[in-house]
Structure formats: C-alpha cells, structure tokens
Protein backbone atom coordinates (compact mmCIF):
# COMPACT_ATOMS: atom_id res chain seq x y z
CA UNK A 1 0.00 0.00 0.00
CA UNK A 2 1.49 3.37 -0.98
CA UNK A 3 2.32 5.76 1.84
CA UNK A 4 -0.12 8.38 0.46
CA UNK A 5 -2.99 5.88 0.58
CA UNK A 6 -2.14 4.86 4.14
CA UNK A 7 -1.97 8.52 5.17
CA UNK A 8 -5.35 9.19 3.54
CA UNK A 9 -6.91 6.28 5.42
CA UNK A 10 -5.49 7.34 8.79
CA UNK A 11 -6.45 11.01 8.36
CA UNK A 12 -9.88 10.16 7.02
CA UNK A 13 -10.76 7.65 9.71
CA UNK A 14 -9.44 9.92 12.47
CA UNK A 15 -11.42 12.94 11.29
CA UNK A 16 -14.58 10.98 10.63
CA UNK A 17 -14.31 9.26 14.02
CA UNK A 18 -13.98 12.63 15.73
CA UNK A 19 -16.88 14.11 13.77
CA UNK A 20 -19.10 11.09 14.47
CA UNK A 21 -18.30 11.29 18.18
CA UNK A 22 -19.18 14.98 18.21
CA UNK A 23 -22.47 14.35 16.43
CA UNK A 24 -23.55 11.82 19.04
CA UNK A 25 -23.05 14.20 21.96
CA UNK A 26 -25.02 17.29 22.91
CA UNK A 27 -22.76 20.29 22.36
CA UNK A 28 -23.36 23.99 22.78
CA UNK A 29 -24.20 25.42 19.38
CA UNK A 30 -22.56 28.72 18.50
CA UNK A 31 -23.48 29.83 14.97
CA UNK A 32 -20.30 31.88 14.66
CA UNK A 33 -18.08 28.91 15.52
CA UNK A 34 -20.02 26.36 13.47
CA UNK A 35 -18.23 27.32 10.27
CA UNK A 36 -14.72 27.41 11.78
CA UNK A 37 -13.84 23.69 11.50
CA UNK A 38 -15.11 23.40 7.92
CA UNK A 39 -13.07 26.46 6.93
CA UNK A 40 -9.95 25.01 8.56
CA UNK A 41 -10.44 21.61 6.89
CA UNK A 42 -10.98 23.16 3.47
CA UNK A 43 -8.06 25.56 3.92
CA UNK A 44 -5.65 22.78 4.88
CA UNK A 45 -6.96 20.75 1.93
CA UNK A 46 -6.29 23.59 -0.51
CA UNK A 47 -2.77 24.03 0.89
CA UNK A 48 -2.08 20.30 0.52
CA UNK A 49 -3.36 20.39 -3.06
CA UNK A 50 -1.11 23.36 -3.86
CA UNK A 51 1.88 21.50 -2.43
CA UNK A 52 1.06 18.30 -4.32
CA UNK A 53 2.22 19.88 -7.57
CA UNK A 54 -0.51 18.40 -9.71
CA UNK A 55 0.12 19.52 -13.28
CA UNK A 56 -2.69 17.85 -15.20
CA UNK A 57 -6.35 17.53 -14.41
CA UNK A 58 -8.35 15.22 -16.63
CA UNK A 59 -12.03 15.14 -17.50
CA UNK A 60 -12.31 12.05 -15.28
CA UNK A 61 -10.89 14.07 -12.36
CA UNK A 62 -13.36 16.92 -12.89
CA UNK A 63 -16.31 14.55 -13.30
CA UNK A 64 -15.57 12.63 -10.12
CA UNK A 65 -14.78 15.80 -8.20
CA UNK A 66 -18.20 17.21 -9.13
CA UNK A 67 -19.92 13.94 -8.17
CA UNK A 68 -18.18 13.82 -4.80
CA UNK A 69 -18.83 17.52 -4.22
CA UNK A 70 -22.55 16.92 -4.82
CA UNK A 71 -22.47 13.94 -2.43
CA UNK A 72 -20.70 16.01 0.23
CA UNK A 73 -23.27 18.80 -0.05
CA UNK A 74 -26.13 16.28 0.05
CA UNK A 75 -24.80 14.45 3.10
CA UNK A 76 -24.08 17.75 4.86
CA UNK A 77 -27.60 19.01 4.18
CA UNK A 78 -29.08 15.73 5.46
CA UNK A 79 -26.97 15.95 8.63
CA UNK A 80 -28.13 19.52 9.14
CA UNK A 81 -31.78 18.46 8.74
CA UNK A 82 -31.31 15.63 11.25
CA UNK A 83 -29.93 17.96 13.91
CA UNK A 84 -32.01 18.39 17.05
CA UNK A 85 -31.88 21.29 19.50
CA UNK A 86 -32.44 21.59 23.23
CA UNK A 87 -31.91 24.29 25.82
CA UNK A 88 -28.96 23.65 28.08
CA UNK A 89 -30.81 24.20 31.34
CA UNK A 90 -27.72 25.78 32.88
CA UNK A 91 -27.64 28.91 30.75
CA UNK A 92 -30.98 30.35 29.71
CA UNK A 93 -31.60 30.74 26.00
CA UNK A 94 -28.48 28.76 25.12
CA UNK A 95 -28.89 25.85 22.74
CA UNK A 96 -27.21 22.51 22.42
CA UNK A 97 -27.38 20.52 19.21
CA UNK A 98 -26.62 17.04 17.93
CA UNK A 99 -27.52 15.04 14.86
CA UNK A 100 -27.55 11.73 16.70
CA UNK A 101 -26.92 8.24 15.41
CA UNK A 102 -28.64 8.82 12.06
CA UNK A 103 -26.48 11.86 11.36
CA UNK A 104 -23.34 10.04 12.43
CA UNK A 105 -24.24 7.05 10.28
CA UNK A 106 -24.31 9.29 7.22
CA UNK A 107 -20.52 9.46 7.54
CA UNK A 108 -20.37 5.72 6.94
CA UNK A 109 -22.51 6.16 3.84
CA UNK A 110 -20.28 8.98 2.60
CA UNK A 111 -17.12 6.93 3.20
CA UNK A 112 -18.53 3.90 1.38
CA UNK A 113 -19.56 6.01 -1.60
CA UNK A 114 -16.23 7.80 -1.61
CA UNK A 115 -14.19 4.59 -1.54
CA UNK A 116 -16.24 3.15 -4.40
CA UNK A 117 -15.88 6.32 -6.44
CA UNK A 118 -12.14 6.48 -5.73
CA UNK A 119 -11.64 2.97 -7.08
CA UNK A 120 -13.78 3.72 -10.11
CA UNK A 121 -11.98 7.01 -10.79
CA UNK A 122 -8.61 5.30 -10.42
CA UNK A 123 -9.57 2.57 -12.85
CA UNK A 124 -10.58 5.26 -15.36
CA UNK A 125 -7.30 7.13 -15.00
CA UNK A 126 -8.30 9.76 -12.44
CA UNK A 127 -5.71 10.70 -9.83
CA UNK A 128 -6.83 14.02 -8.35
CA UNK A 129 -9.74 12.63 -6.34
CA UNK A 130 -7.48 10.39 -4.24
CA UNK A 131 -5.38 13.31 -2.95
CA UNK A 132 -5.52 14.04 0.79
CA UNK A 133 -6.24 17.69 0.01
CA UNK A 134 -9.40 16.81 -1.91
CA UNK A 135 -10.57 14.60 0.94
CA UNK A 136 -10.17 17.47 3.42
CA UNK A 137 -11.88 19.96 1.10
CA UNK A 138 -14.84 17.59 0.67
CA UNK A 139 -15.08 17.03 4.44
CA UNK A 140 -15.03 20.81 4.89
CA UNK A 141 -17.78 21.27 2.30
CA UNK A 142 -19.93 18.64 4.00
CA UNK A 143 -19.48 20.19 7.45
CA UNK A 144 -20.04 23.73 6.12
CA UNK A 145 -23.28 22.67 4.44
CA UNK A 146 -24.43 21.01 7.64
CA UNK A 147 -23.56 24.11 9.68
CA UNK A 148 -25.44 26.40 7.32
CA UNK A 149 -28.54 24.18 7.40
CA UNK A 150 -28.40 23.98 11.20
CA UNK A 151 -27.99 27.76 11.47
CA UNK A 152 -31.04 28.27 9.27
CA UNK A 153 -33.10 25.82 11.38
CA UNK A 154 -32.17 26.90 14.88
CA UNK A 155 -35.02 28.30 16.93
CA UNK A 156 -35.52 32.02 16.41
CA UNK A 157 -35.04 33.11 20.04
CA UNK A 158 -31.55 31.61 20.07
CA UNK A 159 -30.58 33.45 16.89
CA UNK A 160 -31.14 36.77 18.63
CA UNK A 161 -28.91 35.78 21.57
CA UNK A 162 -25.87 34.73 19.50
C-alpha cells in the first residue's frame, strides 16, 4: 500500500471518528463557531493540493470531483436536517445541538460512496480525487453545508442571543 494511501486512510478515519463522536453528543451550538472547523479543513486541503504539484487535471478528475462535491453537499444538508436542539438548562436561551446516530451514520454512507468512487476514478485514469487535500476539502464542504442548514433551522429566540 502506498504511503499516500495509508496517510489518507489514517487522516480520514481519524477525522470521521472525531466528527461522528461529536455528532452523538449534545454540544453547545454557536453559529459563529459552526463554520470554523469546515473552513480550517478546506483551507488545509487547498494548501495540501497546492503542495502536491498536480500539473494535469483530466475530465475524469473533474467529473468525479463534481460527483463527490454533490455527495458532500447532500450528506451535509441531510446531517443539518437531522440535527435536534435543546436548551442547556444551565444557561438560559443557550442551545445545544446534535444530529444523533442517524447523522453520524451518514458518515459511513459517505465513506462507502467515496471509496467506491475512488476505485472507479482510479480505474478510469483519475488521480486528483485520491489526494488528501481533496478529501479534506470535501469534508469541509460537507461540514459547512451542515452548519449552514443547522444555522437556518435553529429556533428564532436563540438566533437573537448569539
């Protein structure tokens, strides 16, 4: 197994494990902070892509990138829709949020689809989609979409507090 593939697996599983854990627990929801992790993930991904020195991008690469981007947005939107809110009880008008087991399980679906698409893209000559940077950008897009959906759904009284 190439070192890049092993690194992708370790990074991907670590990040997804952390994100799944966070989705199963009630956490204070701060709309301003909700977009921070996705921005960091996408930023690191872009930096890694710039450092990778990719000189050619094929039609296969673009096609699979668009497919995976659509999947990331779709999964993020579904996670955002599955998010539940509750008041903390300790601080009035402060909300906690979680997407629960269904939201966390969407990560497994996304990973399975991504692995299948990676193999298919590789067999068709695509190489861009397997880069660690792309993986981080797609994770960032998924989390950003989820955060935006959650922000749009949060109860109105909490929006005025934040």
